[in-house]
N, C-alpha and C. Protein backbone atom coordinates (compact mmCIF):
# COMPACT_ATOMS: atom_id res chain seq x y z
N MET A 1 81.26 111.18 102.26
CA MET A 1 82.71 111.02 102.27
C MET A 1 83.34 112.41 102.32
N GLU A 2 84.29 112.56 103.18
CA GLU A 2 84.93 113.85 103.33
C GLU A 2 85.96 114.08 102.23
N ASN A 3 86.31 115.34 102.04
CA ASN A 3 87.23 115.72 100.97
C ASN A 3 88.57 114.98 101.06
N ASN A 4 89.12 114.86 102.26
CA ASN A 4 90.40 114.18 102.42
C ASN A 4 90.28 112.69 102.08
N GLU A 5 89.18 112.09 102.48
CA GLU A 5 88.94 110.68 102.16
C GLU A 5 88.82 110.48 100.65
N THR A 6 88.12 111.39 100.01
CA THR A 6 87.95 111.32 98.55
C THR A 6 89.31 111.46 97.87
N HIS A 7 90.09 112.41 98.34
CA HIS A 7 91.43 112.61 97.77
C HIS A 7 92.27 111.35 97.92
N GLN A 8 92.26 110.75 99.11
CA GLN A 8 93.05 109.54 99.35
C GLN A 8 92.56 108.39 98.49
N MET A 9 91.25 108.26 98.36
CA MET A 9 90.69 107.19 97.54
C MET A 9 91.12 107.35 96.08
N LEU A 10 91.05 108.56 95.56
CA LEU A 10 91.46 108.81 94.18
C LEU A 10 92.95 108.57 93.99
N ALA A 11 93.76 108.97 94.97
CA ALA A 11 95.20 108.72 94.90
C ALA A 11 95.47 107.22 94.87
N ASP A 12 94.76 106.47 95.70
CA ASP A 12 94.91 105.01 95.70
C ASP A 12 94.53 104.41 94.36
N LEU A 13 93.44 104.88 93.79
CA LEU A 13 92.98 104.35 92.50
C LEU A 13 93.95 104.70 91.37
N LEU A 14 94.48 105.91 91.38
CA LEU A 14 95.46 106.29 90.36
C LEU A 14 96.71 105.43 90.47
N TRP A 15 97.17 105.22 91.69
CA TRP A 15 98.35 104.40 91.90
C TRP A 15 98.09 102.97 91.42
N LEU A 16 96.95 102.41 91.83
CA LEU A 16 96.62 101.05 91.44
C LEU A 16 96.50 100.91 89.93
N ASN A 17 95.91 101.87 89.27
CA ASN A 17 95.81 101.83 87.81
C ASN A 17 97.19 101.89 87.16
N ALA A 18 98.10 102.65 87.73
CA ALA A 18 99.47 102.70 87.19
C ALA A 18 100.14 101.34 87.35
N VAL A 19 99.93 100.67 88.47
CA VAL A 19 100.48 99.33 88.67
C VAL A 19 99.92 98.37 87.63
N ILE A 20 98.61 98.40 87.46
CA ILE A 20 97.96 97.53 86.48
C ILE A 20 98.49 97.80 85.08
N ALA A 21 98.63 99.06 84.74
CA ALA A 21 99.13 99.42 83.40
C ALA A 21 100.53 98.87 83.17
N THR A 22 101.40 99.03 84.14
CA THR A 22 102.78 98.56 83.94
C THR A 22 102.84 97.03 83.86
N GLU A 23 102.00 96.35 84.63
CA GLU A 23 101.98 94.89 84.56
C GLU A 23 101.41 94.41 83.23
N LEU A 24 100.40 95.10 82.70
CA LEU A 24 99.85 94.73 81.40
C LEU A 24 100.87 94.93 80.29
N ILE A 25 101.65 95.99 80.39
CA ILE A 25 102.72 96.21 79.41
C ILE A 25 103.69 95.04 79.45
N GLN A 26 104.05 94.61 80.64
CA GLN A 26 105.00 93.50 80.77
C GLN A 26 104.40 92.20 80.24
N ILE A 27 103.14 91.95 80.54
CA ILE A 27 102.47 90.75 80.02
C ILE A 27 102.47 90.77 78.50
N THR A 28 102.19 91.92 77.92
CA THR A 28 102.18 92.06 76.46
C THR A 28 103.55 91.75 75.88
N GLU A 29 104.60 92.29 76.49
CA GLU A 29 105.96 92.02 76.00
C GLU A 29 106.31 90.54 76.13
N ASN A 30 105.97 89.95 77.26
CA ASN A 30 106.29 88.54 77.47
C ASN A 30 105.53 87.66 76.49
N THR A 31 104.26 87.94 76.27
CA THR A 31 103.46 87.16 75.33
C THR A 31 104.00 87.31 73.92
N SER A 32 104.37 88.52 73.55
CA SER A 32 104.94 88.76 72.23
C SER A 32 106.22 87.96 72.04
N ALA A 33 107.07 87.97 73.06
CA ALA A 33 108.34 87.24 72.97
C ALA A 33 108.10 85.74 72.84
N ILE A 34 107.11 85.23 73.56
CA ILE A 34 106.80 83.79 73.48
C ILE A 34 106.30 83.44 72.09
N LEU A 35 105.37 84.24 71.58
CA LEU A 35 104.79 83.94 70.27
C LEU A 35 105.80 84.10 69.14
N ARG A 36 106.66 85.12 69.24
CA ARG A 36 107.65 85.36 68.19
C ARG A 36 108.87 84.48 68.33
N LYS A 37 109.05 83.94 69.53
CA LYS A 37 110.27 83.19 69.87
C LYS A 37 111.50 84.10 69.74
N SER A 38 111.28 85.37 70.00
CA SER A 38 112.35 86.37 70.01
C SER A 38 111.81 87.61 70.73
N PRO A 39 112.68 88.50 71.12
CA PRO A 39 112.21 89.70 71.81
C PRO A 39 111.31 90.54 70.91
N PRO A 40 110.46 91.35 71.52
CA PRO A 40 109.64 92.27 70.73
C PRO A 40 110.54 93.24 69.96
N PRO A 41 110.01 93.86 68.92
CA PRO A 41 110.80 94.85 68.17
C PRO A 41 111.32 95.96 69.09
N ALA A 42 112.47 96.47 68.75
CA ALA A 42 113.09 97.53 69.56
C ALA A 42 112.17 98.74 69.71
N SER A 43 111.42 99.06 68.66
CA SER A 43 110.51 100.22 68.74
C SER A 43 109.42 99.99 69.79
N CYS A 44 108.94 98.75 69.90
CA CYS A 44 107.93 98.45 70.91
C CYS A 44 108.52 98.55 72.31
N ILE A 45 109.70 98.01 72.48
CA ILE A 45 110.34 98.08 73.80
C ILE A 45 110.58 99.53 74.19
N ARG A 46 111.03 100.35 73.25
CA ARG A 46 111.25 101.77 73.52
C ARG A 46 109.94 102.43 73.95
N ASP A 47 108.88 102.20 73.18
CA ASP A 47 107.59 102.80 73.51
C ASP A 47 107.06 102.30 74.84
N HIS A 48 107.22 101.01 75.10
CA HIS A 48 106.76 100.45 76.37
C HIS A 48 107.52 101.07 77.54
N ASN A 49 108.81 101.28 77.37
CA ASN A 49 109.59 101.91 78.44
C ASN A 49 109.10 103.33 78.72
N GLU A 50 108.75 104.05 77.66
CA GLU A 50 108.20 105.40 77.85
C GLU A 50 106.85 105.35 78.56
N LEU A 51 106.02 104.40 78.17
CA LEU A 51 104.72 104.25 78.83
C LEU A 51 104.88 103.87 80.30
N ARG A 52 105.83 102.97 80.58
CA ARG A 52 106.11 102.60 81.98
C ARG A 52 106.56 103.82 82.77
N ALA A 53 107.44 104.61 82.18
CA ALA A 53 107.95 105.80 82.88
C ALA A 53 106.82 106.78 83.18
N THR A 54 105.90 106.94 82.25
CA THR A 54 104.75 107.83 82.47
C THR A 54 103.88 107.29 83.59
N ALA A 55 103.57 105.99 83.55
CA ALA A 55 102.75 105.39 84.60
C ALA A 55 103.44 105.50 85.96
N LEU A 56 104.75 105.29 85.98
CA LEU A 56 105.50 105.40 87.23
C LEU A 56 105.47 106.83 87.76
N ALA A 57 105.60 107.81 86.88
CA ALA A 57 105.55 109.21 87.31
C ALA A 57 104.19 109.53 87.92
N ILE A 58 103.13 109.02 87.33
CA ILE A 58 101.78 109.24 87.88
C ILE A 58 101.69 108.57 89.26
N ALA A 59 102.15 107.33 89.34
CA ALA A 59 102.09 106.61 90.61
C ALA A 59 102.90 107.32 91.70
N ARG A 60 104.09 107.79 91.36
CA ARG A 60 104.94 108.46 92.36
C ARG A 60 104.34 109.78 92.81
N LYS A 61 103.60 110.43 91.93
CA LYS A 61 102.97 111.71 92.28
C LYS A 61 102.02 111.54 93.46
N TYR A 62 101.34 110.42 93.51
CA TYR A 62 100.33 110.20 94.54
C TYR A 62 100.76 109.27 95.65
N LYS A 63 101.72 108.39 95.37
CA LYS A 63 102.24 107.47 96.39
C LYS A 63 103.73 107.28 96.11
N PRO A 64 104.55 108.21 96.57
CA PRO A 64 105.98 108.17 96.23
C PRO A 64 106.76 107.02 96.87
N GLU A 65 106.31 106.51 97.97
CA GLU A 65 107.09 105.50 98.71
C GLU A 65 106.49 104.11 98.55
N THR A 66 106.62 103.55 97.37
CA THR A 66 106.16 102.17 97.15
C THR A 66 107.26 101.39 96.43
N ALA A 67 107.04 100.12 96.26
CA ALA A 67 108.01 99.24 95.61
C ALA A 67 107.88 99.25 94.09
N LEU A 68 106.99 100.06 93.54
CA LEU A 68 106.74 100.01 92.11
C LEU A 68 107.99 100.30 91.28
N ALA A 69 108.73 101.32 91.61
CA ALA A 69 109.93 101.66 90.83
C ALA A 69 110.94 100.53 90.87
N ARG A 70 111.16 99.97 92.04
CA ARG A 70 112.10 98.85 92.16
C ARG A 70 111.60 97.66 91.35
N HIS A 71 110.32 97.37 91.45
CA HIS A 71 109.74 96.25 90.73
C HIS A 71 109.89 96.44 89.21
N LEU A 72 109.61 97.64 88.72
CA LEU A 72 109.72 97.88 87.29
C LEU A 72 111.17 97.73 86.82
N GLY A 73 112.10 98.10 87.67
CA GLY A 73 113.51 97.94 87.32
C GLY A 73 113.92 96.49 87.18
N GLU A 74 113.15 95.60 87.78
CA GLU A 74 113.46 94.17 87.72
C GLU A 74 112.74 93.46 86.58
N HIS A 75 111.83 94.15 85.90
CA HIS A 75 111.15 93.52 84.76
C HIS A 75 112.16 93.20 83.67
N GLN A 76 111.92 92.09 83.00
CA GLN A 76 112.81 91.70 81.91
C GLN A 76 112.00 91.51 80.66
C-alpha cells in the first residue's frame, strides 16, 4: 500500500470512528431519557456536547466536507 493510500485509509477510519462516537453518544442520551422518563442530567448533556464537538473537530480535520456537522445539529 502506498503512503497516500495509507493516509487516505487512516483519514477514512478516523472520520468513521468520529461518526460512530457521536451516534453512540446520542443513543446513550436517548436510552437514558427513555429509562428516566426525563432528559438526562444537564451535566451529562454538557459533557456529551463537548465530546461531540471534539469528535466533530477530528472528523472535520480529515474530511471537512461531510454531512456530519449538519446531522449533529439535528440531534435532539
